[in-house]
Amino acid sequence: MNVELEESFKKIQSHKGVVGVLIINKQGSVIKSTFDQEVSLSYSKVILDMFPKAHDLLKVNDNNDELSFFRVRSKDNDIMVTPDKDFFLMVVNKINK
């Protein structure tokens, strides 16, 4: 993992409310994670399943649009995913009530 990505990982992880951070490659292999292996692989599978669907949803309105970020919010957490050329970065953040 390159130095810039490692620094970003540490910086994100230190933010208040962050439950965990996950970086996977486009094939779903875990590059770095604060979650255990089982949770990391579960999130990886969901990201790989959801990303194409979210991407296709954007294309319905504008075929030239590109997905740069998506977020799923539950009662307790925000799950935010940012795609890059080679990987996905996911952050799970606890929602303050």
Protein backbone atom coordinates (compact mmCIF):
# COMPACT_ATOMS: atom_id res chain seq x y z
CA MET A 1 0.00 0.00 0.00
CA ASN A 2 1.40 3.40 -0.92
CA VAL A 3 2.34 6.02 1.66
CA GLU A 4 -0.47 8.42 0.73
CA LEU A 5 -3.11 5.71 1.12
CA GLU A 6 -1.60 4.61 4.44
CA GLU A 7 -1.66 8.19 5.77
CA SER A 8 -5.27 8.66 4.65
CA PHE A 9 -6.21 5.39 6.33
CA LYS A 10 -4.70 6.48 9.65
CA LYS A 11 -6.21 9.96 9.44
CA ILE A 12 -9.72 8.63 8.76
CA GLN A 13 -9.41 6.03 11.49
CA SER A 14 -8.61 8.74 14.05
CA HIS A 15 -11.82 10.72 13.42
CA LYS A 16 -14.40 10.73 16.17
CA GLY A 17 -17.17 8.19 15.63
CA VAL A 18 -15.30 6.03 13.12
CA VAL A 19 -16.08 2.39 13.84
CA GLY A 20 -13.84 0.99 11.13
CA VAL A 21 -12.10 1.47 7.81
CA LEU A 22 -11.73 -1.00 4.95
CA ILE A 23 -9.77 -0.84 1.71
CA ILE A 24 -10.37 -3.51 -0.92
CA ASN A 25 -9.17 -3.91 -4.47
CA LYS A 26 -11.59 -4.10 -7.40
CA GLN A 27 -11.65 -7.90 -7.12
CA GLY A 28 -12.74 -7.73 -3.47
CA SER A 29 -9.46 -8.73 -1.82
CA VAL A 30 -8.84 -6.94 1.44
CA ILE A 31 -5.85 -4.59 1.28
CA LYS A 32 -6.19 -3.12 4.77
CA SER A 33 -8.91 -3.21 7.40
CA THR A 34 -9.61 -2.41 11.02
CA PHE A 35 -12.31 -5.11 11.02
CA ASP A 36 -11.68 -8.80 11.61
CA GLN A 37 -11.31 -11.04 8.55
CA GLU A 38 -14.91 -12.30 8.54
CA VAL A 39 -16.45 -8.82 8.77
CA SER A 40 -13.99 -7.45 6.20
CA LEU A 41 -14.93 -10.16 3.70
CA SER A 42 -18.66 -9.60 4.34
CA TYR A 43 -18.34 -5.87 3.68
CA SER A 44 -16.18 -6.59 0.63
CA LYS A 45 -18.87 -8.81 -0.89
CA VAL A 46 -21.58 -6.23 -0.26
CA ILE A 47 -19.52 -3.42 -1.81
CA LEU A 48 -18.85 -5.48 -4.92
CA ASP A 49 -22.57 -6.32 -5.17
CA MET A 50 -23.85 -2.77 -4.53
CA PHE A 51 -21.41 -0.66 -6.52
CA PRO A 52 -22.52 -1.77 -10.02
CA LYS A 53 -26.17 -1.30 -9.05
CA ALA A 54 -25.55 2.21 -7.72
CA HIS A 55 -23.50 3.01 -10.81
CA ASP A 56 -26.29 1.76 -13.10
CA LEU A 57 -28.84 3.83 -11.19
CA LEU A 58 -26.92 7.01 -12.04
CA LYS A 59 -26.75 6.03 -15.70
CA VAL A 60 -30.56 6.01 -15.92
CA ASN A 61 -30.63 9.82 -15.71
CA ASP A 62 -27.30 10.72 -17.30
CA ASN A 63 -25.24 8.20 -19.21
CA ASN A 64 -22.10 10.33 -18.77
CA ASP A 65 -22.37 10.54 -14.97
CA GLU A 66 -19.85 8.67 -12.83
CA LEU A 67 -20.31 7.40 -9.30
CA SER A 68 -17.80 9.08 -6.99
CA PHE A 69 -19.26 8.28 -3.57
CA PHE A 70 -22.16 6.42 -2.05
CA ARG A 71 -23.56 6.27 1.42
CA VAL A 72 -25.94 3.95 3.22
CA ARG A 73 -27.37 5.13 6.49
CA SER A 74 -28.94 2.92 9.12
CA LYS A 75 -30.36 3.72 12.52
CA ASP A 76 -26.93 3.39 14.11
CA ASN A 77 -24.29 3.79 11.38
CA ASP A 78 -23.28 5.57 8.20
CA ILE A 79 -21.49 3.37 5.71
CA MET A 80 -19.63 5.45 3.15
CA VAL A 81 -17.85 4.05 0.11
CA THR A 82 -15.55 5.87 -2.28
CA PRO A 83 -14.40 4.09 -5.43
CA ASP A 84 -11.00 4.73 -6.94
CA LYS A 85 -9.39 3.41 -10.11
CA ASP A 86 -7.81 0.46 -8.27
CA PHE A 87 -9.67 0.11 -4.97
CA PHE A 88 -12.68 0.95 -2.79
CA LEU A 89 -12.39 2.81 0.51
CA MET A 90 -15.17 2.18 3.01
CA VAL A 91 -15.72 3.94 6.33
CA VAL A 92 -18.28 2.94 8.95
CA ASN A 93 -19.19 5.81 11.22
CA LYS A 94 -21.34 5.64 14.37
CA ILE A 95 -24.27 8.04 14.28
CA ASN A 96 -24.51 10.25 17.34
CA LYS A 97 -28.00 10.31 18.81
